[in-house]
């Protein structure tokens, strides 16, 4: 089918990866890549990785297509525009980039990273399942998936760490200052609303008793932990 000097043929497999295959190992689901300048398949002579290996194009390298061919003329403005359009679409859909551009200090960035890592781990699971189905070696895919899962776990722990660091310390001096300011503002609001002084004093007396109790403090901490 290919000339005897051809040792490898460049193809795109069914999951979109560009790989080199021996002519005898090309699958029906592969798409043979075509050199846009010559219109011939991209092939390799000799053995991969050796100094004498060359990428060559053959005048008549095949007798009949065993797989689909990725065709197209020389790369022109339209091809470049299509590539740029696809790149822009992918970038616009990228949640990590979107959250980072909106607010790099936002917790949404970490959420987007966590989601992206989980998607990559799931994709690797699919690739491993496909490799197992075809009887191929899955050890490298397993290692990559383990790394992805570890990254998911590390990022999740980091998120928990960030969230715990953002909790309000009700026993801190800073909280007592801001709480006092809120109470002061509330008293001013009562005065501007023309609430009778005796009524205002009664409200604040009851309010003071409630917030000074241990039960109120426990309830406040419980609500913060629940995010309510």
C-alpha atoms as a PDB file:
ATOM      1  CA  UNK A   1       0.000   0.000   0.000  1.00  0.00           C
ATOM      2  CA  UNK A   2       2.858   2.402   0.936  1.00  0.00           C
ATOM      3  CA  UNK A   3       6.366   2.303  -0.476  1.00  0.00           C
ATOM      4  CA  UNK A   4       8.679  -0.085   1.384  1.00  0.00           C
ATOM      5  CA  UNK A   5      10.863   2.833   2.527  1.00  0.00           C
ATOM      6  CA  UNK A   6       7.991   4.262   4.577  1.00  0.00           C
ATOM      7  CA  UNK A   7       8.325   3.286   8.230  1.00  0.00           C
ATOM      8  CA  UNK A   8       5.691   5.558   9.778  1.00  0.00           C
ATOM      9  CA  UNK A   9       2.600   7.468   8.648  1.00  0.00           C
ATOM     10  CA  UNK A  10       1.220  10.452  10.540  1.00  0.00           C
ATOM     11  CA  UNK A  11      -2.484  10.101  11.372  1.00  0.00           C
ATOM     12  CA  UNK A  12      -5.156  11.598  13.605  1.00  0.00           C
ATOM     13  CA  UNK A  13      -6.857   8.893  15.664  1.00  0.00           C
ATOM     14  CA  UNK A  14     -10.522   8.644  16.619  1.00  0.00           C
ATOM     15  CA  UNK A  15     -10.093  10.826  19.711  1.00  0.00           C
ATOM     16  CA  UNK A  16      -8.262  13.570  17.834  1.00  0.00           C
ATOM     17  CA  UNK A  17      -4.654  12.779  18.741  1.00  0.00           C
ATOM     18  CA  UNK A  18      -1.894  13.057  16.145  1.00  0.00           C
ATOM     19  CA  UNK A  19       0.248   9.904  16.184  1.00  0.00           C
ATOM     20  CA  UNK A  20       2.737   8.034  13.984  1.00  0.00           C
ATOM     21  CA  UNK A  21       1.732   4.518  12.942  1.00  0.00           C
ATOM     22  CA  UNK A  22       3.369   1.797  10.923  1.00  0.00           C
ATOM     23  CA  UNK A  23       1.626   1.443   7.550  1.00  0.00           C
ATOM     24  CA  UNK A  24       0.386  -2.011   8.575  1.00  0.00           C
ATOM     25  CA  UNK A  25      -1.131  -0.645  11.798  1.00  0.00           C
ATOM     26  CA  UNK A  26      -3.264   2.119  10.292  1.00  0.00           C
ATOM     27  CA  UNK A  27      -6.882   1.747  11.396  1.00  0.00           C
ATOM     28  CA  UNK A  28     -10.125   2.461   9.612  1.00  0.00           C
ATOM     29  CA  UNK A  29     -10.871   5.111  12.235  1.00  0.00           C
ATOM     30  CA  UNK A  30      -7.584   6.944  11.557  1.00  0.00           C
ATOM     31  CA  UNK A  31      -7.335  10.069   9.407  1.00  0.00           C
ATOM     32  CA  UNK A  32      -4.107  10.214   7.422  1.00  0.00           C
ATOM     33  CA  UNK A  33      -2.598  13.697   7.562  1.00  0.00           C
ATOM     34  CA  UNK A  34      -1.788  15.377   4.269  1.00  0.00           C
ATOM     35  CA  UNK A  35       1.060  17.791   3.614  1.00  0.00           C
ATOM     36  CA  UNK A  36      -0.805  20.974   2.523  1.00  0.00           C
ATOM     37  CA  UNK A  37       2.094  21.994   0.282  1.00  0.00           C
ATOM     38  CA  UNK A  38       2.396  18.769  -1.706  1.00  0.00           C
ATOM     39  CA  UNK A  39      -0.979  17.124  -1.221  1.00  0.00           C
ATOM     40  CA  UNK A  40       0.730  13.849  -0.276  1.00  0.00           C
ATOM     41  CA  UNK A  41       0.514  11.937   3.043  1.00  0.00           C
ATOM     42  CA  UNK A  42       3.023  12.896   5.735  1.00  0.00           C
ATOM     43  CA  UNK A  43       5.295   9.901   6.200  1.00  0.00           C
ATOM     44  CA  UNK A  44       8.652   8.988   7.735  1.00  0.00           C
ATOM     45  CA  UNK A  45      11.497   6.899   6.385  1.00  0.00           C
ATOM     46  CA  UNK A  46      13.905   4.917   8.544  1.00  0.00           C
ATOM     47  CA  UNK A  47      13.279   4.410  12.253  1.00  0.00           C
ATOM     48  CA  UNK A  48      11.735   7.101  14.481  1.00  0.00           C
ATOM     49  CA  UNK A  49      14.166   8.996  16.687  1.00  0.00           C
ATOM     50  CA  UNK A  50      17.335   8.133  14.764  1.00  0.00           C
ATOM     51  CA  UNK A  51      19.510  10.772  13.066  1.00  0.00           C
ATOM     52  CA  UNK A  52      18.800   9.303   9.649  1.00  0.00           C
ATOM     53  CA  UNK A  53      15.029   9.608  10.023  1.00  0.00           C
ATOM     54  CA  UNK A  54      13.410  12.014   7.609  1.00  0.00           C
ATOM     55  CA  UNK A  55       9.900  13.161   6.970  1.00  0.00           C
ATOM     56  CA  UNK A  56       9.262  12.610   3.260  1.00  0.00           C
ATOM     57  CA  UNK A  57       6.396  12.833   0.855  1.00  0.00           C
ATOM     58  CA  UNK A  58       5.978  10.189  -1.828  1.00  0.00           C
ATOM     59  CA  UNK A  59       4.750  10.780  -5.347  1.00  0.00           C
ATOM     60  CA  UNK A  60       2.599   7.652  -5.300  1.00  0.00           C
ATOM     61  CA  UNK A  61       2.815   6.344  -1.728  1.00  0.00           C
ATOM     62  CA  UNK A  62      -0.432   4.369  -1.617  1.00  0.00           C
ATOM     63  CA  UNK A  63      -2.578   2.212  -3.844  1.00  0.00           C
ATOM     64  CA  UNK A  64      -5.837   2.774  -2.018  1.00  0.00           C
ATOM     65  CA  UNK A  65      -6.898   4.556   1.180  1.00  0.00           C
ATOM     66  CA  UNK A  66      -7.191   2.298   4.222  1.00  0.00           C
ATOM     67  CA  UNK A  67      -8.508   5.236   6.207  1.00  0.00           C
ATOM     68  CA  UNK A  68      -9.901   8.716   5.768  1.00  0.00           C
ATOM     69  CA  UNK A  69      -7.615  11.425   4.500  1.00  0.00           C
ATOM     70  CA  UNK A  70      -7.267  14.869   5.980  1.00  0.00           C
ATOM     71  CA  UNK A  71      -7.211  16.943   2.869  1.00  0.00           C
ATOM     72  CA  UNK A  72      -6.913  20.576   1.996  1.00  0.00           C
ATOM     73  CA  UNK A  73      -4.866  22.897  -0.170  1.00  0.00           C
ATOM     74  CA  UNK A  74      -2.046  25.192   0.909  1.00  0.00           C
ATOM     75  CA  UNK A  75      -2.713  27.062   4.105  1.00  0.00           C
ATOM     76  CA  UNK A  76      -4.220  30.428   3.195  1.00  0.00           C
ATOM     77  CA  UNK A  77      -5.953  33.326   4.897  1.00  0.00           C
ATOM     78  CA  UNK A  78      -9.229  31.417   5.260  1.00  0.00           C
ATOM     79  CA  UNK A  79      -7.503  28.519   7.040  1.00  0.00           C
ATOM     80  CA  UNK A  80      -5.722  30.912   9.389  1.00  0.00           C
ATOM     81  CA  UNK A  81      -8.976  32.744  10.058  1.00  0.00           C
ATOM     82  CA  UNK A  82     -10.727  29.460  10.842  1.00  0.00           C
ATOM     83  CA  UNK A  83      -7.934  28.507  13.220  1.00  0.00           C
ATOM     84  CA  UNK A  84      -8.067  31.866  14.974  1.00  0.00           C
ATOM     85  CA  UNK A  85     -11.854  31.625  15.211  1.00  0.00           C
ATOM     86  CA  UNK A  86     -11.678  28.178  16.849  1.00  0.00           C
ATOM     87  CA  UNK A  87      -8.963  29.394  19.216  1.00  0.00           C
ATOM     88  CA  UNK A  88     -11.090  32.395  20.225  1.00  0.00           C
ATOM     89  CA  UNK A  89     -14.145  30.186  20.798  1.00  0.00           C
ATOM     90  CA  UNK A  90     -12.175  27.792  22.999  1.00  0.00           C
ATOM     91  CA  UNK A  91     -10.694  30.675  25.004  1.00  0.00           C
ATOM     92  CA  UNK A  92     -14.114  32.265  25.481  1.00  0.00           C
ATOM     93  CA  UNK A  93     -15.463  28.962  26.814  1.00  0.00           C
ATOM     94  CA  UNK A  94     -12.540  28.482  29.215  1.00  0.00           C
ATOM     95  CA  UNK A  95     -13.906  29.059  32.714  1.00  0.00           C
ATOM     96  CA  UNK A  96     -10.497  29.458  34.347  1.00  0.00           C
ATOM     97  CA  UNK A  97      -9.579  32.279  31.966  1.00  0.00           C
ATOM     98  CA  UNK A  98     -13.024  33.847  32.331  1.00  0.00           C
ATOM     99  CA  UNK A  99     -12.909  33.876  36.133  1.00  0.00           C
ATOM    100  CA  UNK A 100      -9.304  35.115  36.172  1.00  0.00           C
ATOM    101  CA  UNK A 101     -10.081  38.021  33.855  1.00  0.00           C
ATOM    102  CA  UNK A 102     -13.202  38.959  35.835  1.00  0.00           C
ATOM    103  CA  UNK A 103     -11.506  38.896  39.239  1.00  0.00           C
ATOM    104  CA  UNK A 104      -8.240  37.082  39.814  1.00  0.00           C
ATOM    105  CA  UNK A 105      -8.765  37.359  43.590  1.00  0.00           C
ATOM    106  CA  UNK A 106     -12.154  35.666  43.453  1.00  0.00           C
ATOM    107  CA  UNK A 107     -12.738  32.173  44.813  1.00  0.00           C
ATOM    108  CA  UNK A 108     -14.365  31.451  41.460  1.00  0.00           C
ATOM    109  CA  UNK A 109     -10.893  30.992  39.949  1.00  0.00           C
ATOM    110  CA  UNK A 110     -10.205  28.069  42.281  1.00  0.00           C
ATOM    111  CA  UNK A 111     -13.655  26.636  41.525  1.00  0.00           C
ATOM    112  CA  UNK A 112     -12.958  26.807  37.778  1.00  0.00           C
ATOM    113  CA  UNK A 113      -9.551  25.170  38.216  1.00  0.00           C
ATOM    114  CA  UNK A 114     -11.115  22.367  40.249  1.00  0.00           C
ATOM    115  CA  UNK A 115     -13.777  21.815  37.583  1.00  0.00           C
ATOM    116  CA  UNK A 116     -11.181  21.817  34.801  1.00  0.00           C
ATOM    117  CA  UNK A 117      -8.997  19.267  36.571  1.00  0.00           C
ATOM    118  CA  UNK A 118     -11.998  17.028  37.173  1.00  0.00           C
ATOM    119  CA  UNK A 119     -12.890  17.208  33.461  1.00  0.00           C
ATOM    120  CA  UNK A 120      -9.335  16.226  32.481  1.00  0.00           C
ATOM    121  CA  UNK A 121      -9.397  13.302  34.907  1.00  0.00           C
ATOM    122  CA  UNK A 122     -12.712  12.124  33.422  1.00  0.00           C
ATOM    123  CA  UNK A 123     -11.302  12.459  29.890  1.00  0.00           C
ATOM    124  CA  UNK A 124      -8.312  10.322  30.848  1.00  0.00           C
ATOM    125  CA  UNK A 125     -10.689   7.710  32.235  1.00  0.00           C
ATOM    126  CA  UNK A 126     -12.392   7.556  28.835  1.00  0.00           C
ATOM    127  CA  UNK A 127      -9.045   7.270  27.014  1.00  0.00           C
ATOM    128  CA  UNK A 128      -7.975   4.436  29.315  1.00  0.00           C
ATOM    129  CA  UNK A 129     -11.265   2.600  28.755  1.00  0.00           C
ATOM    130  CA  UNK A 130     -10.811   2.944  24.986  1.00  0.00           C
ATOM    131  CA  UNK A 131      -7.236   1.691  25.204  1.00  0.00           C
ATOM    132  CA  UNK A 132      -8.366  -1.312  27.256  1.00  0.00           C
ATOM    133  CA  UNK A 133     -11.076  -2.046  24.706  1.00  0.00           C
ATOM    134  CA  UNK A 134      -8.464  -2.085  21.936  1.00  0.00           C
ATOM    135  CA  UNK A 135      -6.054  -4.220  23.965  1.00  0.00           C
ATOM    136  CA  UNK A 136      -3.467  -1.438  24.214  1.00  0.00           C
ATOM    137  CA  UNK A 137      -1.137  -0.702  27.104  1.00  0.00           C
ATOM    138  CA  UNK A 138      -2.878   1.584  29.634  1.00  0.00           C
ATOM    139  CA  UNK A 139      -0.087   2.105  32.166  1.00  0.00           C
ATOM    140  CA  UNK A 140       0.803   5.638  31.020  1.00  0.00           C
ATOM    141  CA  UNK A 141      -2.846   6.676  30.925  1.00  0.00           C
ATOM    142  CA  UNK A 142      -3.311   5.317  34.454  1.00  0.00           C
ATOM    143  CA  UNK A 143      -0.305   7.300  35.685  1.00  0.00           C
ATOM    144  CA  UNK A 144      -1.631  10.473  34.057  1.00  0.00           C
ATOM    145  CA  UNK A 145      -5.096   9.913  35.563  1.00  0.00           C
ATOM    146  CA  UNK A 146      -3.618   9.335  39.013  1.00  0.00           C
ATOM    147  CA  UNK A 147      -1.727  12.632  38.681  1.00  0.00           C
ATOM    148  CA  UNK A 148      -4.920  14.396  37.591  1.00  0.00           C
ATOM    149  CA  UNK A 149      -6.887  12.941  40.504  1.00  0.00           C
ATOM    150  CA  UNK A 150      -4.146  13.976  42.919  1.00  0.00           C
ATOM    151  CA  UNK A 151      -4.320  17.500  41.501  1.00  0.00           C
ATOM    152  CA  UNK A 152      -8.106  17.485  42.026  1.00  0.00           C
ATOM    153  CA  UNK A 153      -7.652  16.396  45.647  1.00  0.00           C
ATOM    154  CA  UNK A 154      -4.915  18.964  46.316  1.00  0.00           C
ATOM    155  CA  UNK A 155      -7.006  21.751  44.797  1.00  0.00           C
ATOM    156  CA  UNK A 156     -10.059  20.715  46.809  1.00  0.00           C
ATOM    157  CA  UNK A 157      -8.019  20.808  50.024  1.00  0.00           C
ATOM    158  CA  UNK A 158      -6.668  24.211  49.036  1.00  0.00           C
ATOM    159  CA  UNK A 159     -10.217  25.436  48.505  1.00  0.00           C
ATOM    160  CA  UNK A 160     -11.231  24.214  51.964  1.00  0.00           C
ATOM    161  CA  UNK A 161      -8.187  25.940  53.407  1.00  0.00           C
ATOM    162  CA  UNK A 162      -9.114  29.217  51.709  1.00  0.00           C
ATOM    163  CA  UNK A 163     -12.722  28.969  52.867  1.00  0.00           C
ATOM    164  CA  UNK A 164     -11.702  28.274  56.453  1.00  0.00           C
ATOM    165  CA  UNK A 165      -9.337  31.239  56.331  1.00  0.00           C
ATOM    166  CA  UNK A 166     -12.208  33.468  55.257  1.00  0.00           C
ATOM    167  CA  UNK A 167     -14.385  32.618  58.272  1.00  0.00           C
ATOM    168  CA  UNK A 168     -15.147  35.381  60.746  1.00  0.00           C
ATOM    169  CA  UNK A 169     -13.590  35.112  64.200  1.00  0.00           C
ATOM    170  CA  UNK A 170     -16.434  36.207  66.499  1.00  0.00           C
ATOM    171  CA  UNK A 171     -14.029  36.443  69.427  1.00  0.00           C
ATOM    172  CA  UNK A 172     -11.616  38.790  67.650  1.00  0.00           C
ATOM    173  CA  UNK A 173     -11.182  42.463  68.476  1.00  0.00           C
ATOM    174  CA  UNK A 174     -11.902  43.372  64.844  1.00  0.00           C
ATOM    175  CA  UNK A 175     -15.321  41.702  64.950  1.00  0.00           C
ATOM    176  CA  UNK A 176     -16.203  43.433  68.220  1.00  0.00           C
ATOM    177  CA  UNK A 177     -15.301  46.791  66.683  1.00  0.00           C
ATOM    178  CA  UNK A 178     -17.404  46.263  63.542  1.00  0.00           C
ATOM    179  CA  UNK A 179     -20.293  44.829  65.584  1.00  0.00           C
ATOM    180  CA  UNK A 180     -20.230  47.878  67.834  1.00  0.00           C
ATOM    181  CA  UNK A 181     -20.294  50.117  64.769  1.00  0.00           C
ATOM    182  CA  UNK A 182     -23.321  48.245  63.409  1.00  0.00           C
ATOM    183  CA  UNK A 183     -25.156  48.677  66.732  1.00  0.00           C
ATOM    184  CA  UNK A 184     -24.241  52.357  66.743  1.00  0.00           C
ATOM    185  CA  UNK A 185     -25.619  52.751  63.215  1.00  0.00           C
ATOM    186  CA  UNK A 186     -28.821  50.981  64.237  1.00  0.00           C
ATOM    187  CA  UNK A 187     -29.264  53.383  67.175  1.00  0.00           C
ATOM    188  CA  UNK A 188     -28.851  56.368  64.828  1.00  0.00           C
ATOM    189  CA  UNK A 189     -31.435  54.851  62.507  1.00  0.00           C
ATOM    190  CA  UNK A 190     -33.853  54.615  65.442  1.00  0.00           C
ATOM    191  CA  UNK A 191     -33.248  58.294  66.294  1.00  0.00           C
ATOM    192  CA  UNK A 192     -33.788  59.408  62.677  1.00  0.00           C
ATOM    193  CA  UNK A 193     -36.975  57.315  62.534  1.00  0.00           C
ATOM    194  CA  UNK A 194     -38.235  59.294  65.552  1.00  0.00           C
ATOM    195  CA  UNK A 195     -38.492  56.193  67.744  1.00  0.00           C
ATOM    196  CA  UNK A 196     -39.353  57.269  71.294  1.00  0.00           C
ATOM    197  CA  UNK A 197     -36.238  57.256  73.528  1.00  0.00           C
ATOM    198  CA  UNK A 198     -37.814  54.857  76.045  1.00  0.00           C
ATOM    199  CA  UNK A 199     -38.710  52.443  73.238  1.00  0.00           C
ATOM    200  CA  UNK A 200     -35.193  52.679  71.758  1.00  0.00           C
ATOM    201  CA  UNK A 201     -33.609  52.003  75.157  1.00  0.00           C
ATOM    202  CA  UNK A 202     -35.892  48.995  75.687  1.00  0.00           C
ATOM    203  CA  UNK A 203     -34.962  47.537  72.286  1.00  0.00           C
ATOM    204  CA  UNK A 204     -31.237  47.931  72.881  1.00  0.00           C
ATOM    205  CA  UNK A 205     -31.470  46.500  76.388  1.00  0.00           C
ATOM    206  CA  UNK A 206     -33.093  43.328  75.047  1.00  0.00           C
ATOM    207  CA  UNK A 207     -30.700  43.230  72.067  1.00  0.00           C
ATOM    208  CA  UNK A 208     -27.697  43.449  74.430  1.00  0.00           C
ATOM    209  CA  UNK A 209     -28.965  40.558  76.553  1.00  0.00           C
ATOM    210  CA  UNK A 210     -29.466  38.367  73.473  1.00  0.00           C
ATOM    211  CA  UNK A 211     -26.040  38.904  71.887  1.00  0.00           C
ATOM    212  CA  UNK A 212     -24.187  38.529  75.189  1.00  0.00           C
ATOM    213  CA  UNK A 213     -25.500  34.990  75.656  1.00  0.00           C
ATOM    214  CA  UNK A 214     -23.504  31.866  74.778  1.00  0.00           C
ATOM    215  CA  UNK A 215     -26.421  30.479  72.778  1.00  0.00           C
ATOM    216  CA  UNK A 216     -26.364  33.434  70.372  1.00  0.00           C
ATOM    217  CA  UNK A 217     -22.618  32.978  69.799  1.00  0.00           C
ATOM    218  CA  UNK A 218     -23.025  29.253  69.121  1.00  0.00           C
ATOM    219  CA  UNK A 219     -25.894  29.883  66.709  1.00  0.00           C
ATOM    220  CA  UNK A 220     -23.898  32.561  64.865  1.00  0.00           C
ATOM    221  CA  UNK A 221     -20.889  30.218  64.419  1.00  0.00           C
ATOM    222  CA  UNK A 222     -23.136  27.352  63.291  1.00  0.00           C
ATOM    223  CA  UNK A 223     -24.769  29.545  60.652  1.00  0.00           C
ATOM    224  CA  UNK A 224     -21.397  30.692  59.325  1.00  0.00           C
ATOM    225  CA  UNK A 225     -20.220  27.101  58.965  1.00  0.00           C
ATOM    226  CA  UNK A 226     -23.399  26.207  57.087  1.00  0.00           C
ATOM    227  CA  UNK A 227     -23.111  29.299  54.910  1.00  0.00           C
ATOM    228  CA  UNK A 228     -26.601  30.476  55.866  1.00  0.00           C
END
